[in-house]
Amino acid sequence: MKRSLQSACALLAAWAVCADAVEIQRWERIPLALPLVVGQERIVFVDQNVRVGMPRALEGKLRVQSTGGALYLLANEPIEPTRLQLQNMTSGEIMLVDIAATSGQANQPALEPLKIVAGEHPAGRYGQQASAPKQAARPTTGATEDGEQLEEPPAARRETPVPVALTRYAAQMLYAPLRTVEPVEGIGQVNIDRRLDLSTLLPTLPVEASVLGAWRLDDYWVTAVKLRNTGAQQLILDPRDLMGNFVAATFQHPYLGAQGDASDTTTVYLITQGRGLAESLLPAAVGQIDPKGDRRER
């Protein structure tokens, strides 16, 4: 009798484990396989606030809902292998998931939920704050028993200077495949007027400038600006020709080819502190004055 009770308990425990089973896959920068069954909703736990990017071809074929770090996927018809992009809204990191939906068999059990976790050795995040050394616990404000005033602990600094991290991130967002963009904790995209007047940015060079995008981290902004040569001569790019209040500036390429050449366009990354690009440019009236002393015709 006792042995029968033990067997029954073991069976119940095994059934409970199966009922709550969750498939776990580790994100190691390799696309994850996610099979679906038509008409069966499958849950994917990512424990992050993510945005789902999917091809237009899936419209009407796949229903996607996201809430509380979980995705709810429901295929309405068979789907050929297709790749989805899951982007972390905080860090910008992108995970790739390959889905495929097939017709289910009669009385086929529902697929178990899937949980995506970070790899065992995730790559260090570029620009993240360095870990402060551990110190013995002590009060951070007030005074000691002897009346000596204690100083506030220094703010944690980032392992990589913020201007460097911002420039690298912006360059990756514009030139690298999205799946390879290295996440930067705390970075966020900034709304900027794409029609911003940039006529004073490089007043001595025959270039056309336009805003591509902007991002912010802490008290710094990076704005990516497209430069196009409108002249017939090759131009050597020099940061000292830029006019404005910038902390740093980096050109994607060192020169611009003549107008019409494949190399007549590049990008410059402008770092500003405490304000965006619009507040860091010279007024348009100043740009009408030639640095050599004469007024330029516009």
Protein backbone atom coordinates (compact mmCIF):
# COMPACT_ATOMS: atom_id res chain seq x y z
CA MET A 1 0.00 0.00 0.00
CA LYS A 2 2.79 2.38 0.95
CA ARG A 3 4.62 1.63 -2.29
CA SER A 4 1.43 2.30 -4.28
CA LEU A 5 1.01 5.70 -2.61
CA GLN A 6 4.62 6.60 -3.38
CA SER A 7 4.15 5.64 -7.03
CA ALA A 8 0.98 7.71 -7.26
CA CYS A 9 2.71 10.74 -5.75
CA ALA A 10 5.60 10.38 -8.19
CA LEU A 11 3.20 10.24 -11.13
CA LEU A 12 1.34 13.32 -9.93
CA ALA A 13 4.62 15.21 -9.50
CA ALA A 14 5.75 14.23 -12.98
CA TRP A 15 2.40 15.32 -14.43
CA ALA A 16 2.67 18.70 -12.71
CA VAL A 17 6.17 19.25 -14.09
CA CYS A 18 5.01 18.40 -17.61
CA ALA A 19 2.00 20.71 -17.29
CA ASP A 20 4.24 23.65 -16.39
CA ALA A 21 7.10 22.77 -18.77
CA VAL A 22 8.78 25.69 -20.51
CA GLU A 23 11.28 25.32 -23.33
CA ILE A 24 14.39 27.42 -22.67
CA GLN A 25 16.62 28.75 -25.44
CA ARG A 26 19.73 30.86 -24.95
CA TRP A 27 20.41 33.89 -27.10
CA GLU A 28 24.00 33.61 -28.30
CA ARG A 29 23.64 35.86 -31.38
CA ILE A 30 22.46 32.83 -33.36
CA PRO A 31 18.85 32.96 -34.67
CA LEU A 32 16.48 30.94 -32.50
CA ALA A 33 14.03 28.43 -34.02
CA LEU A 34 10.39 28.88 -33.00
CA PRO A 35 7.93 26.39 -34.57
CA LEU A 36 4.23 27.25 -34.51
CA VAL A 37 1.05 25.29 -35.13
CA VAL A 38 -1.77 26.92 -37.07
CA GLY A 39 -4.59 27.90 -34.74
CA GLN A 40 -2.55 27.37 -31.56
CA GLU A 41 -1.28 30.37 -29.62
CA ARG A 42 2.29 30.07 -28.37
CA ILE A 43 3.76 32.19 -25.60
CA VAL A 44 7.34 33.47 -25.67
CA PHE A 45 8.81 34.88 -22.45
CA VAL A 46 11.61 37.41 -23.00
CA ASP A 47 11.43 39.28 -19.66
CA GLN A 48 12.07 42.52 -21.56
CA ASN A 49 9.99 45.26 -23.09
CA VAL A 50 10.47 44.42 -26.76
CA ARG A 51 9.25 45.68 -30.09
CA VAL A 52 8.56 43.05 -32.77
CA GLY A 53 9.62 43.65 -36.34
CA MET A 54 8.17 41.35 -38.97
CA PRO A 55 7.88 41.36 -42.78
CA ARG A 56 4.73 42.76 -44.36
CA ALA A 57 4.15 39.36 -45.94
CA LEU A 58 3.02 38.11 -42.52
CA GLU A 59 0.19 40.62 -42.21
CA GLY A 60 -3.02 38.67 -41.72
CA LYS A 61 -1.09 35.42 -41.30
CA LEU A 62 0.42 36.01 -37.86
CA ARG A 63 -1.09 37.77 -34.86
CA VAL A 64 1.46 39.20 -32.43
CA GLN A 65 0.66 40.65 -29.02
CA SER A 66 3.22 41.88 -26.49
CA THR A 67 2.71 42.67 -22.83
CA GLY A 68 4.65 42.36 -19.59
CA GLY A 69 7.74 40.82 -21.18
CA ALA A 70 5.77 38.11 -22.97
CA LEU A 71 4.84 37.63 -26.62
CA TYR A 72 1.69 35.85 -27.77
CA LEU A 73 1.99 34.45 -31.29
CA LEU A 74 -0.92 32.95 -33.22
CA ALA A 75 -0.54 31.71 -36.79
CA ASN A 76 -3.75 31.85 -38.82
CA GLU A 77 -2.37 29.83 -41.74
CA PRO A 78 0.80 27.90 -42.65
CA ILE A 79 3.89 30.14 -42.76
CA GLU A 80 7.16 29.43 -44.50
CA PRO A 81 10.33 29.94 -42.41
CA THR A 82 10.44 33.68 -41.69
CA ARG A 83 12.66 35.79 -39.47
CA LEU A 84 11.34 38.12 -36.76
CA GLN A 85 13.35 40.80 -34.96
CA LEU A 86 12.83 41.37 -31.23
CA GLN A 87 14.29 44.72 -30.18
CA ASN A 88 14.84 45.61 -26.53
CA MET A 89 13.23 49.02 -26.07
CA THR A 90 15.73 49.97 -23.36
CA SER A 91 19.11 48.90 -24.72
CA GLY A 92 18.34 48.59 -28.42
CA GLU A 93 19.63 45.00 -28.53
CA ILE A 94 18.05 42.88 -31.27
CA MET A 95 17.34 39.16 -31.04
CA LEU A 96 16.49 37.12 -34.14
CA VAL A 97 13.78 34.46 -34.12
CA ASP A 98 12.99 32.17 -37.07
CA ILE A 99 9.34 31.09 -37.09
CA ALA A 100 7.54 28.51 -39.22
CA ALA A 101 3.89 27.50 -38.89
CA THR A 102 2.50 24.13 -39.95
CA SER A 103 -0.97 22.62 -39.84
CA GLY A 104 -1.58 20.60 -36.70
CA GLN A 105 -2.79 17.04 -36.41
CA ALA A 106 -6.05 16.04 -34.75
CA ASN A 107 -5.82 16.21 -30.94
CA GLN A 108 -2.23 17.47 -31.18
CA PRO A 109 -1.09 18.82 -27.80
CA ALA A 110 -0.29 22.51 -27.59
CA LEU A 111 3.35 23.53 -27.93
CA GLU A 112 4.96 24.43 -24.63
CA PRO A 113 5.85 28.08 -23.92
CA LEU A 114 9.33 29.26 -24.88
CA LYS A 115 11.61 31.33 -22.68
CA ILE A 116 14.56 33.24 -24.16
CA VAL A 117 17.42 33.88 -21.75
CA ALA A 118 20.80 35.53 -22.11
CA GLY A 119 23.78 33.33 -22.91
CA GLU A 120 26.03 32.02 -20.18
CA HIS A 121 28.77 34.45 -21.19
CA PRO A 122 27.04 37.50 -22.64
CA ALA A 123 29.31 40.06 -24.26
CA GLY A 124 30.07 43.13 -22.18
CA ARG A 125 27.88 46.03 -23.14
CA TYR A 126 29.78 48.84 -24.79
CA GLY A 127 29.50 52.01 -22.77
CA GLN A 128 28.02 50.41 -19.65
CA GLN A 129 28.85 51.80 -16.24
CA ALA A 130 31.86 50.29 -14.56
CA SER A 131 31.20 48.37 -11.38
CA ALA A 132 32.23 50.31 -8.34
CA PRO A 133 34.73 48.55 -6.06
CA LYS A 134 33.18 47.00 -2.99
CA GLN A 135 33.84 48.90 0.21
CA ALA A 136 32.99 48.33 3.81
CA ALA A 137 29.51 49.51 4.64
CA ARG A 138 29.40 53.02 6.04
CA PRO A 139 26.96 55.92 6.05
CA THR A 140 26.99 58.03 2.91
CA THR A 141 25.85 61.27 4.53
CA GLY A 142 26.16 62.93 7.89
CA ALA A 143 29.17 62.78 10.18
CA THR A 144 31.26 60.20 12.01
CA GLU A 145 31.30 59.76 15.76
CA ASP A 146 34.31 62.11 15.89
CA GLY A 147 32.41 64.80 14.02
CA GLU A 148 34.29 64.28 10.75
CA GLN A 149 32.10 65.04 7.73
CA LEU A 150 31.78 62.19 5.24
CA GLU A 151 31.83 62.78 1.50
CA GLU A 152 29.26 61.46 -0.93
CA PRO A 153 30.50 58.42 -2.89
CA PRO A 154 31.61 59.35 -6.42
CA ALA A 155 29.14 58.67 -9.22
CA ALA A 156 29.83 55.53 -11.18
CA ARG A 157 31.71 56.25 -14.40
CA ARG A 158 31.30 54.39 -17.66
CA GLU A 159 33.96 52.03 -18.92
CA THR A 160 33.91 53.81 -22.29
CA PRO A 161 33.67 57.61 -22.64
CA VAL A 162 30.11 58.55 -23.52
CA PRO A 163 31.03 60.43 -26.75
CA VAL A 164 32.88 57.34 -28.00
CA ALA A 165 30.01 55.00 -27.12
CA LEU A 166 27.46 57.30 -28.76
CA THR A 167 29.46 57.69 -31.96
CA ARG A 168 30.02 53.96 -32.27
CA TYR A 169 26.34 53.20 -31.63
CA ALA A 170 25.14 55.74 -34.21
CA ALA A 171 27.56 54.39 -36.83
CA GLN A 172 26.34 50.84 -36.22
CA MET A 173 22.70 51.90 -36.46
CA LEU A 174 23.35 53.47 -39.87
CA TYR A 175 25.89 51.12 -41.44
CA ALA A 176 25.81 47.73 -39.67
CA PRO A 177 23.21 44.93 -39.84
CA LEU A 178 20.73 45.48 -37.01
CA ARG A 179 21.45 42.06 -35.50
CA THR A 180 25.08 43.11 -34.92
CA VAL A 181 24.32 46.42 -33.18
CA GLU A 182 25.88 46.24 -29.73
CA PRO A 183 23.41 47.42 -27.07
CA VAL A 184 24.24 50.43 -24.92
CA GLU A 185 22.41 50.62 -21.61
CA GLY A 186 20.50 53.87 -21.19
CA ILE A 187 20.74 55.10 -24.77
CA GLY A 188 17.62 56.41 -26.47
CA GLN A 189 16.67 57.87 -29.82
CA VAL A 190 15.85 61.57 -29.89
CA ASN A 191 13.27 63.26 -32.08
CA ILE A 192 14.86 65.87 -34.34
CA ASP A 193 13.59 68.02 -37.17
CA ARG A 194 14.88 66.48 -40.40
CA ARG A 195 14.44 69.90 -42.06
CA LEU A 196 16.85 71.61 -39.66
CA ASP A 197 18.83 74.37 -41.40
CA LEU A 198 22.47 73.21 -41.49
CA SER A 199 23.79 75.92 -43.79
CA THR A 200 26.19 77.18 -41.11
CA LEU A 201 27.72 73.78 -40.34
CA LEU A 202 30.38 73.83 -43.08
CA PRO A 203 30.06 77.33 -44.57
CA THR A 204 33.39 77.23 -46.44
CA LEU A 205 32.75 73.97 -48.30
CA PRO A 206 30.34 73.22 -51.18
CA VAL A 207 28.38 70.54 -49.34
CA GLU A 208 24.74 69.79 -48.75
CA ALA A 209 23.97 68.69 -45.17
CA SER A 210 20.86 66.96 -43.82
CA VAL A 211 19.97 65.26 -40.53
CA LEU A 212 19.78 61.45 -40.45
CA GLY A 213 19.04 60.80 -36.77
CA ALA A 214 19.99 61.55 -33.17
CA TRP A 215 20.53 59.60 -29.94
CA ARG A 216 21.15 60.58 -26.32
CA LEU A 217 23.05 59.02 -23.41
CA ASP A 218 23.33 60.78 -20.05
CA ASP A 219 24.00 64.47 -20.79
CA TYR A 220 25.36 63.92 -24.30
CA TRP A 221 23.71 63.91 -27.72
CA VAL A 222 25.00 62.48 -30.99
CA THR A 223 23.51 63.66 -34.26
CA ALA A 224 24.27 61.89 -37.53
CA VAL A 225 24.39 64.32 -40.46
CA LYS A 226 24.65 63.30 -44.12
CA LEU A 227 27.13 65.34 -46.18
CA ARG A 228 27.00 65.42 -49.98
CA ASN A 229 29.55 67.15 -52.18
CA THR A 230 27.92 69.58 -54.62
CA GLY A 231 31.19 70.61 -56.27
CA ALA A 232 33.38 69.18 -59.01
CA GLN A 233 36.46 68.72 -56.82
CA GLN A 234 37.32 66.15 -54.16
CA LEU A 235 37.06 67.53 -50.63
CA ILE A 236 39.29 66.59 -47.70
CA LEU A 237 37.22 66.65 -44.51
CA ASP A 238 38.67 68.39 -41.47
CA PRO A 239 36.76 68.69 -38.15
CA ARG A 240 38.24 72.17 -37.72
CA ASP A 241 36.05 73.38 -40.60
CA LEU A 242 32.88 72.61 -38.63
CA MET A 243 31.14 75.63 -37.13
CA GLY A 244 29.21 75.12 -33.89
CA ASN A 245 29.48 74.22 -30.23
CA PHE A 246 30.55 70.57 -30.43
CA VAL A 247 32.32 68.33 -27.93
CA ALA A 248 33.57 66.01 -30.67
CA ALA A 249 33.03 65.26 -34.35
CA THR A 250 33.84 62.16 -36.39
CA PHE A 251 33.60 61.67 -40.14
CA GLN A 252 32.63 58.24 -41.48
CA HIS A 253 35.08 58.78 -44.36
CA PRO A 254 38.08 61.14 -44.58
CA TYR A 255 37.07 62.76 -47.88
CA LEU A 256 34.21 63.41 -50.29
CA GLY A 257 34.49 62.51 -53.95
CA ALA A 258 33.40 64.90 -56.68
CA GLN A 259 29.67 65.32 -57.25
CA GLY A 260 28.23 62.30 -59.02
CA ASP A 261 30.98 59.98 -57.81
CA ALA A 262 30.08 56.97 -55.64
CA SER A 263 32.07 58.54 -52.80
CA ASP A 264 30.42 61.99 -52.91
CA THR A 265 28.39 61.26 -49.74
CA THR A 266 29.38 60.47 -46.16
CA THR A 267 28.20 60.96 -42.58
CA VAL A 268 29.52 63.12 -39.75
CA TYR A 269 28.69 62.33 -36.11
CA LEU A 270 28.38 65.48 -33.99
CA ILE A 271 28.57 65.20 -30.19
CA THR A 272 26.96 67.94 -28.11
CA GLN A 273 26.58 68.23 -24.34
CA GLY A 274 23.64 69.61 -22.44
CA ARG A 275 21.73 70.43 -25.62
CA GLY A 276 20.84 69.06 -29.02
CA LEU A 277 22.21 70.02 -32.42
CA ALA A 278 19.69 72.78 -33.09
CA GLU A 279 20.89 74.73 -30.05
CA SER A 280 24.57 74.13 -30.87
CA LEU A 281 24.66 75.58 -34.39
CA LEU A 282 25.62 79.13 -35.29
CA PRO A 283 22.77 81.45 -36.34
CA ALA A 284 22.16 81.52 -40.09
CA ALA A 285 23.06 85.22 -40.27
CA VAL A 286 26.57 84.46 -39.00
CA GLY A 287 27.05 81.86 -41.73
CA GLN A 288 26.71 84.55 -44.41
CA ILE A 289 30.06 86.03 -43.38
CA ASP A 290 33.10 84.59 -45.14
CA PRO A 291 35.88 83.72 -42.65
CA LYS A 292 38.31 85.54 -44.98
CA GLY A 293 36.50 88.81 -44.37
CA ASP A 294 34.05 89.08 -47.27
CA ARG A 295 30.34 88.39 -47.29
CA ARG A 296 29.34 85.34 -49.25
CA GLU A 297 26.51 85.35 -51.74
CA ARG A 298 23.79 82.90 -50.94
